[in-house]
Amino acid sequence: MAASPSSVATPPVPDRNGDFEQPVDVKTAARFLGVSPSLVYAYVERKQIPHFRMMGRAIRFRLSELEVWRQQFHVNGGIR
C-alpha cells in the first residue's frame, strides 16, 4: 500500500556542519521569525528569503538559514 503524499515525512537534509536538519513549513518559519505566514509567502514570492520547494509546490525552510537571514536585520541600538 503506497503512502499518500501528505503522509510522507519530509526527509532531513544536511546543514552546513554535515548534521541533518529537518526542514520546516511556512507556519513554523513564520513563528520562528515572528511574522505572519502571509508575509513569509510574500518574501518567497519576491525571492527575498532562503527557501526551497519539495515536489513542486511545498515550500520548506532550514531554520539555520533563516537564522542567518534574520541576523542581517539586527539593529544594535543602545543608548551610550
PDB file of N, CA and C in Angstrom:
ATOM      1  N   MET A   1       0.839  -1.173   0.000  1.00  0.00           N
ATOM      2  CA  MET A   1       0.000   0.000   0.000  1.00  0.00           C
ATOM      3  C   MET A   1       0.891   1.246   0.000  1.00  0.00           C
ATOM      4  N   ALA A   2       0.736   2.108  -0.968  1.00  0.00           N
ATOM      5  CA  ALA A   2       1.568   3.313  -1.090  1.00  0.00           C
ATOM      6  C   ALA A   2       1.050   4.400  -0.172  1.00  0.00           C
ATOM      7  N   ALA A   3       1.972   5.160   0.391  1.00  0.00           N
ATOM      8  CA  ALA A   3       1.602   6.265   1.270  1.00  0.00           C
ATOM      9  C   ALA A   3       1.172   7.454   0.435  1.00  0.00           C
ATOM     10  N   SER A   4       0.171   8.177   0.922  1.00  0.00           N
ATOM     11  CA  SER A   4      -0.259   9.379   0.214  1.00  0.00           C
ATOM     12  C   SER A   4       0.797  10.457   0.385  1.00  0.00           C
ATOM     13  N   PRO A   5       0.899  11.403  -0.557  1.00  0.00           N
ATOM     14  CA  PRO A   5       1.933  12.437  -0.469  1.00  0.00           C
ATOM     15  C   PRO A   5       1.874  13.243   0.823  1.00  0.00           C
ATOM     16  N   SER A   6       0.688  13.448   1.378  1.00  0.00           N
ATOM     17  CA  SER A   6       0.590  14.244   2.597  1.00  0.00           C
ATOM     18  C   SER A   6       1.073  13.494   3.830  1.00  0.00           C
ATOM     19  N   SER A   7       1.137  12.154   3.755  1.00  0.00           N
ATOM     20  CA  SER A   7       1.566  11.396   4.925  1.00  0.00           C
ATOM     21  C   SER A   7       3.050  11.045   4.884  1.00  0.00           C
ATOM     22  N   VAL A   8       3.716  11.382   3.785  1.00  0.00           N
ATOM     23  CA  VAL A   8       5.137  11.094   3.656  1.00  0.00           C
ATOM     24  C   VAL A   8       5.925  12.166   4.403  1.00  0.00           C
ATOM     25  N   ALA A   9       6.804  11.740   5.286  1.00  0.00           N
ATOM     26  CA  ALA A   9       7.606  12.687   6.068  1.00  0.00           C
ATOM     27  C   ALA A   9       8.645  13.353   5.182  1.00  0.00           C
ATOM     28  N   THR A  10       8.903  14.620   5.455  1.00  0.00           N
ATOM     29  CA  THR A  10       9.937  15.347   4.736  1.00  0.00           C
ATOM     30  C   THR A  10      11.293  14.845   5.207  1.00  0.00           C
ATOM     31  N   PRO A  11      12.148  14.403   4.282  1.00  0.00           N
ATOM     32  CA  PRO A  11      13.441  13.862   4.704  1.00  0.00           C
ATOM     33  C   PRO A  11      14.345  14.961   5.244  1.00  0.00           C
ATOM     34  N   PRO A  12      15.145  14.659   6.255  1.00  0.00           N
ATOM     35  CA  PRO A  12      16.080  15.655   6.767  1.00  0.00           C
ATOM     36  C   PRO A  12      17.175  15.929   5.737  1.00  0.00           C
ATOM     37  N   VAL A  13      17.709  17.114   5.783  1.00  0.00           N
ATOM     38  CA  VAL A  13      18.778  17.494   4.859  1.00  0.00           C
ATOM     39  C   VAL A  13      20.000  17.905   5.661  1.00  0.00           C
ATOM     40  N   PRO A  14      21.204  17.666   5.126  1.00  0.00           N
ATOM     41  CA  PRO A  14      22.396  18.046   5.889  1.00  0.00           C
ATOM     42  C   PRO A  14      22.547  19.566   5.958  1.00  0.00           C
ATOM     43  N   ASP A  15      22.934  20.066   7.129  1.00  0.00           N
ATOM     44  CA  ASP A  15      23.183  21.501   7.264  1.00  0.00           C
ATOM     45  C   ASP A  15      24.649  21.778   6.976  1.00  0.00           C
ATOM     46  N   ARG A  16      25.098  22.968   7.254  1.00  0.00           N
ATOM     47  CA  ARG A  16      26.478  23.352   6.940  1.00  0.00           C
ATOM     48  C   ARG A  16      27.511  22.545   7.714  1.00  0.00           C
ATOM     49  N   ASN A  17      27.132  22.023   8.877  1.00  0.00           N
ATOM     50  CA  ASN A  17      28.063  21.241   9.695  1.00  0.00           C
ATOM     51  C   ASN A  17      28.048  19.763   9.345  1.00  0.00           C
ATOM     52  N   GLY A  18      27.222  19.373   8.366  1.00  0.00           N
ATOM     53  CA  GLY A  18      27.120  17.969   7.999  1.00  0.00           C
ATOM     54  C   GLY A  18      26.096  17.218   8.829  1.00  0.00           C
ATOM     55  N   ASP A  19      25.505  17.884   9.829  1.00  0.00           N
ATOM     56  CA  ASP A  19      24.437  17.263  10.612  1.00  0.00           C
ATOM     57  C   ASP A  19      23.145  17.357   9.807  1.00  0.00           C
ATOM     58  N   PHE A  20      22.163  16.564  10.200  1.00  0.00           N
ATOM     59  CA  PHE A  20      20.901  16.593   9.488  1.00  0.00           C
ATOM     60  C   PHE A  20      19.921  17.509  10.200  1.00  0.00           C
ATOM     61  N   GLU A  21      19.294  18.374   9.414  1.00  0.00           N
ATOM     62  CA  GLU A  21      18.335  19.341   9.928  1.00  0.00           C
ATOM     63  C   GLU A  21      16.991  19.095   9.250  1.00  0.00           C
ATOM     64  N   GLN A  22      15.949  19.010  10.031  1.00  0.00           N
ATOM     65  CA  GLN A  22      14.617  18.776   9.496  1.00  0.00           C
ATOM     66  C   GLN A  22      14.061  20.080   8.916  1.00  0.00           C
ATOM     67  N   PRO A  23      13.696  20.116   7.627  1.00  0.00           N
ATOM     68  CA  PRO A  23      13.112  21.332   7.061  1.00  0.00           C
ATOM     69  C   PRO A  23      11.766  21.634   7.719  1.00  0.00           C
ATOM     70  N   VAL A  24      11.394  22.913   7.748  1.00  0.00           N
ATOM     71  CA  VAL A  24      10.131  23.323   8.361  1.00  0.00           C
ATOM     72  C   VAL A  24       9.235  23.973   7.319  1.00  0.00           C
ATOM     73  N   ASP A  25       7.941  24.020   7.629  1.00  0.00           N
ATOM     74  CA  ASP A  25       6.970  24.599   6.708  1.00  0.00           C
ATOM     75  C   ASP A  25       6.813  26.100   6.940  1.00  0.00           C
ATOM     76  N   VAL A  26       5.923  26.720   6.174  1.00  0.00           N
ATOM     77  CA  VAL A  26       5.719  28.170   6.232  1.00  0.00           C
ATOM     78  C   VAL A  26       5.252  28.609   7.616  1.00  0.00           C
ATOM     79  N   LYS A  27       4.316  27.865   8.198  1.00  0.00           N
ATOM     80  CA  LYS A  27       3.790  28.236   9.520  1.00  0.00           C
ATOM     81  C   LYS A  27       4.892  28.263  10.579  1.00  0.00           C
ATOM     82  N   THR A  28       5.721  27.241  10.584  1.00  0.00           N
ATOM     83  CA  THR A  28       6.809  27.159  11.552  1.00  0.00           C
ATOM     84  C   THR A  28       7.844  28.251  11.302  1.00  0.00           C
ATOM     85  N   ALA A  29       8.149  28.502  10.040  1.00  0.00           N
ATOM     86  CA  ALA A  29       9.095  29.568   9.700  1.00  0.00           C
ATOM     87  C   ALA A  29       8.557  30.917  10.156  1.00  0.00           C
ATOM     88  N   ALA A  30       7.268  31.153   9.974  1.00  0.00           N
ATOM     89  CA  ALA A  30       6.656  32.410  10.392  1.00  0.00           C
ATOM     90  C   ALA A  30       6.744  32.585  11.905  1.00  0.00           C
ATOM     91  N   ARG A  31       6.468  31.521  12.652  1.00  0.00           N
ATOM     92  CA  ARG A  31       6.586  31.589  14.117  1.00  0.00           C
ATOM     93  C   ARG A  31       8.023  31.876  14.528  1.00  0.00           C
ATOM     94  N   PHE A  32       8.973  31.220  13.878  1.00  0.00           N
ATOM     95  CA  PHE A  32      10.389  31.413  14.176  1.00  0.00           C
ATOM     96  C   PHE A  32      10.820  32.861  13.939  1.00  0.00           C
ATOM     97  N   LEU A  33      10.310  33.458  12.860  1.00  0.00           N
ATOM     98  CA  LEU A  33      10.682  34.831  12.505  1.00  0.00           C
ATOM     99  C   LEU A  33       9.832  35.883  13.213  1.00  0.00           C
ATOM    100  N   GLY A  34       8.705  35.464  13.794  1.00  0.00           N
ATOM    101  CA  GLY A  34       7.826  36.405  14.471  1.00  0.00           C
ATOM    102  C   GLY A  34       6.997  37.238  13.519  1.00  0.00           C
ATOM    103  N   VAL A  35       6.650  36.661  12.376  1.00  0.00           N
ATOM    104  CA  VAL A  35       5.823  37.354  11.386  1.00  0.00           C
ATOM    105  C   VAL A  35       4.659  36.447  10.995  1.00  0.00           C
ATOM    106  N   SER A  36       3.771  36.961  10.168  1.00  0.00           N
ATOM    107  CA  SER A  36       2.625  36.174   9.721  1.00  0.00           C
ATOM    108  C   SER A  36       3.019  35.247   8.569  1.00  0.00           C
ATOM    109  N   PRO A  37       2.304  34.132   8.426  1.00  0.00           N
ATOM    110  CA  PRO A  37       2.569  33.254   7.276  1.00  0.00           C
ATOM    111  C   PRO A  37       2.391  33.980   5.940  1.00  0.00           C
ATOM    112  N   SER A  38       1.445  34.915   5.864  1.00  0.00           N
ATOM    113  CA  SER A  38       1.251  35.629   4.594  1.00  0.00           C
ATOM    114  C   SER A  38       2.471  36.474   4.242  1.00  0.00           C
ATOM    115  N   LEU A  39       3.155  37.026   5.246  1.00  0.00           N
ATOM    116  CA  LEU A  39       4.387  37.783   4.972  1.00  0.00           C
ATOM    117  C   LEU A  39       5.490  36.846   4.491  1.00  0.00           C
ATOM    118  N   VAL A  40       5.569  35.656   5.066  1.00  0.00           N
ATOM    119  CA  VAL A  40       6.566  34.671   4.611  1.00  0.00           C
ATOM    120  C   VAL A  40       6.294  34.303   3.145  1.00  0.00           C
ATOM    121  N   TYR A  41       5.017  34.080   2.792  1.00  0.00           N
ATOM    122  CA  TYR A  41       4.673  33.795   1.395  1.00  0.00           C
ATOM    123  C   TYR A  41       5.087  34.955   0.487  1.00  0.00           C
ATOM    124  N   ALA A  42       4.901  36.185   0.952  1.00  0.00           N
ATOM    125  CA  ALA A  42       5.299  37.357   0.157  1.00  0.00           C
ATOM    126  C   ALA A  42       6.812  37.380  -0.045  1.00  0.00           C
ATOM    127  N   TYR A  43       7.581  37.085   1.024  1.00  0.00           N
ATOM    128  CA  TYR A  43       9.039  37.007   0.899  1.00  0.00           C
ATOM    129  C   TYR A  43       9.447  35.940  -0.121  1.00  0.00           C
ATOM    130  N   VAL A  44       8.774  34.799  -0.081  1.00  0.00           N
ATOM    131  CA  VAL A  44       9.076  33.704  -1.012  1.00  0.00           C
ATOM    132  C   VAL A  44       8.775  34.148  -2.440  1.00  0.00           C
ATOM    133  N   GLU A  45       7.621  34.762  -2.639  1.00  0.00           N
ATOM    134  CA  GLU A  45       7.219  35.200  -3.976  1.00  0.00           C
ATOM    135  C   GLU A  45       8.225  36.187  -4.559  1.00  0.00           C
ATOM    136  N   ARG A  46       8.767  37.060  -3.693  1.00  0.00           N
ATOM    137  CA  ARG A  46       9.745  38.056  -4.143  1.00  0.00           C
ATOM    138  C   ARG A  46      11.184  37.534  -4.100  1.00  0.00           C
ATOM    139  N   LYS A  47      11.328  36.259  -3.710  1.00  0.00           N
ATOM    140  CA  LYS A  47      12.645  35.616  -3.605  1.00  0.00           C
ATOM    141  C   LYS A  47      13.567  36.382  -2.665  1.00  0.00           C
ATOM    142  N   GLN A  48      13.024  36.819  -1.527  1.00  0.00           N
ATOM    143  CA  GLN A  48      13.784  37.585  -0.548  1.00  0.00           C
ATOM    144  C   GLN A  48      14.200  36.754   0.660  1.00  0.00           C
ATOM    145  N   ILE A  49      13.802  35.501   0.707  1.00  0.00           N
ATOM    146  CA  ILE A  49      14.070  34.662   1.867  1.00  0.00           C
ATOM    147  C   ILE A  49      14.603  33.308   1.387  1.00  0.00           C
ATOM    148  N   PRO A  50      15.583  32.724   2.089  1.00  0.00           N
ATOM    149  CA  PRO A  50      16.091  31.411   1.655  1.00  0.00           C
ATOM    150  C   PRO A  50      15.029  30.333   1.846  1.00  0.00           C
ATOM    151  N   HIS A  51      14.726  29.612   0.773  1.00  0.00           N
ATOM    152  CA  HIS A  51      13.713  28.557   0.818  1.00  0.00           C
ATOM    153  C   HIS A  51      13.983  27.558  -0.295  1.00  0.00           C
ATOM    154  N   PHE A  52      13.253  26.467  -0.273  1.00  0.00           N
ATOM    155  CA  PHE A  52      13.288  25.516  -1.377  1.00  0.00           C
ATOM    156  C   PHE A  52      11.932  24.860  -1.479  1.00  0.00           C
ATOM    157  N   ARG A  53      11.671  24.260  -2.608  1.00  0.00           N
ATOM    158  CA  ARG A  53      10.372  23.623  -2.853  1.00  0.00           C
ATOM    159  C   ARG A  53      10.539  22.105  -2.904  1.00  0.00           C
ATOM    160  N   MET A  54       9.604  21.443  -2.261  1.00  0.00           N
ATOM    161  CA  MET A  54       9.584  19.979  -2.263  1.00  0.00           C
ATOM    162  C   MET A  54       8.465  19.530  -3.209  1.00  0.00           C
ATOM    163  N   MET A  55       8.773  18.687  -4.140  1.00  0.00           N
ATOM    164  CA  MET A  55       7.773  18.134  -5.059  1.00  0.00           C
ATOM    165  C   MET A  55       6.969  19.235  -5.759  1.00  0.00           C
ATOM    166  N   GLY A  56       7.632  20.315  -6.118  1.00  0.00           N
ATOM    167  CA  GLY A  56       6.975  21.347  -6.892  1.00  0.00           C
ATOM    168  C   GLY A  56       6.359  22.482  -6.117  1.00  0.00           C
ATOM    169  N   ARG A  57       5.453  22.196  -5.147  1.00  0.00           N
ATOM    170  CA  ARG A  57       4.710  23.272  -4.512  1.00  0.00           C
ATOM    171  C   ARG A  57       4.994  23.466  -3.040  1.00  0.00           C
ATOM    172  N   ALA A  58       5.349  22.436  -2.332  1.00  0.00           N
ATOM    173  CA  ALA A  58       5.549  22.539  -0.881  1.00  0.00           C
ATOM    174  C   ALA A  58       6.798  23.357  -0.582  1.00  0.00           C
ATOM    175  N   ILE A  59       6.621  24.484   0.086  1.00  0.00           N
ATOM    176  CA  ILE A  59       7.730  25.375   0.416  1.00  0.00           C
ATOM    177  C   ILE A  59       8.305  24.955   1.759  1.00  0.00           C
ATOM    178  N   ARG A  60       9.622  24.824   1.828  1.00  0.00           N
ATOM    179  CA  ARG A  60      10.294  24.431   3.070  1.00  0.00           C
ATOM    180  C   ARG A  60      11.461  25.357   3.339  1.00  0.00           C
ATOM    181  N   PHE A  61      11.849  25.412   4.617  1.00  0.00           N
ATOM    182  CA  PHE A  61      12.915  26.291   5.079  1.00  0.00           C
ATOM    183  C   PHE A  61      13.831  25.525   6.011  1.00  0.00           C
ATOM    184  N   ARG A  62      15.081  25.949   6.066  1.00  0.00           N
ATOM    185  CA  ARG A  62      16.017  25.434   7.075  1.00  0.00           C
ATOM    186  C   ARG A  62      16.156  26.533   8.127  1.00  0.00           C
ATOM    187  N   LEU A  63      15.920  26.177   9.388  1.00  0.00           N
ATOM    188  CA  LEU A  63      15.994  27.178  10.453  1.00  0.00           C
ATOM    189  C   LEU A  63      17.375  27.804  10.549  1.00  0.00           C
ATOM    190  N   SER A  64      18.418  27.030  10.260  1.00  0.00           N
ATOM    191  CA  SER A  64      19.774  27.581  10.309  1.00  0.00           C
ATOM    192  C   SER A  64      19.948  28.683   9.262  1.00  0.00           C
ATOM    193  N   GLU A  65      19.371  28.513   8.081  1.00  0.00           N
ATOM    194  CA  GLU A  65      19.444  29.545   7.048  1.00  0.00           C
ATOM    195  C   GLU A  65      18.594  30.757   7.411  1.00  0.00           C
ATOM    196  N   LEU A  66      17.430  30.500   8.014  1.00  0.00           N
ATOM    197  CA  LEU A  66      16.573  31.615   8.430  1.00  0.00           C
ATOM    198  C   LEU A  66      17.240  32.433   9.531  1.00  0.00           C
ATOM    199  N   GLU A  67      17.970  31.770  10.423  1.00  0.00           N
ATOM    200  CA  GLU A  67      18.671  32.488  11.493  1.00  0.00           C
ATOM    201  C   GLU A  67      19.713  33.436  10.903  1.00  0.00           C
ATOM    202  N   VAL A  68      20.485  32.962   9.940  1.00  0.00           N
ATOM    203  CA  VAL A  68      21.493  33.804   9.286  1.00  0.00           C
ATOM    204  C   VAL A  68      20.798  34.950   8.553  1.00  0.00           C
ATOM    205  N   TRP A  69      19.712  34.653   7.854  1.00  0.00           N
ATOM    206  CA  TRP A  69      18.968  35.668   7.105  1.00  0.00           C
ATOM    207  C   TRP A  69      18.413  36.741   8.038  1.00  0.00           C
ATOM    208  N   ARG A  70      17.862  36.314   9.161  1.00  0.00           N
ATOM    209  CA  ARG A  70      17.252  37.254  10.097  1.00  0.00           C
ATOM    210  C   ARG A  70      18.299  38.131  10.780  1.00  0.00           C
ATOM    211  N   GLN A  71      19.526  37.635  10.946  1.00  0.00           N
ATOM    212  CA  GLN A  71      20.586  38.411  11.590  1.00  0.00           C
ATOM    213  C   GLN A  71      20.965  39.655  10.786  1.00  0.00           C
ATOM    214  N   GLN A  72      20.739  39.643   9.480  1.00  0.00           N
ATOM    215  CA  GLN A  72      21.080  40.812   8.682  1.00  0.00           C
ATOM    216  C   GLN A  72      20.189  42.012   8.987  1.00  0.00           C
ATOM    217  N   PHE A  73      19.078  41.779   9.693  1.00  0.00           N
ATOM    218  CA  PHE A  73      18.172  42.864  10.059  1.00  0.00           C
ATOM    219  C   PHE A  73      18.351  43.311  11.498  1.00  0.00           C
ATOM    220  N   HIS A  74      19.306  42.706  12.193  1.00  0.00           N
ATOM    221  CA  HIS A  74      19.536  43.049  13.602  1.00  0.00           C
ATOM    222  C   HIS A  74      20.074  44.463  13.700  1.00  0.00           C
ATOM    223  N   VAL A  75      19.451  45.249  14.581  1.00  0.00           N
ATOM    224  CA  VAL A  75      19.893  46.613  14.806  1.00  0.00           C
ATOM    225  C   VAL A  75      20.385  46.711  16.235  1.00  0.00           C
ATOM    226  N   ASN A  76      21.624  47.122  16.402  1.00  0.00           N
ATOM    227  CA  ASN A  76      22.193  47.287  17.728  1.00  0.00           C
ATOM    228  C   ASN A  76      21.998  48.746  18.132  1.00  0.00           C
ATOM    229  N   GLY A  77      20.836  49.047  18.680  1.00  0.00           N
ATOM    230  CA  GLY A  77      20.513  50.432  19.011  1.00  0.00           C
ATOM    231  C   GLY A  77      20.423  50.652  20.498  1.00  0.00           C
ATOM    232  N   GLY A  78      21.534  50.835  21.136  1.00  0.00           N
ATOM    233  CA  GLY A  78      21.540  51.103  22.577  1.00  0.00           C
ATOM    234  C   GLY A  78      21.892  52.552  22.854  1.00  0.00           C
ATOM    235  N   ILE A  79      21.616  52.966  24.057  1.00  0.00           N
ATOM    236  CA  ILE A  79      21.957  54.324  24.469  1.00  0.00           C
ATOM    237  C   ILE A  79      23.353  54.302  25.060  1.00  0.00           C
ATOM    238  N   ARG A  80      24.180  55.231  24.650  1.00  0.00           N
ATOM    239  CA  ARG A  80      25.545  55.285  25.159  1.00  0.00           C
ATOM    240  C   ARG A  80      25.633  56.173  26.347  1.00  0.00           C
TER     241      ARG A  80
END
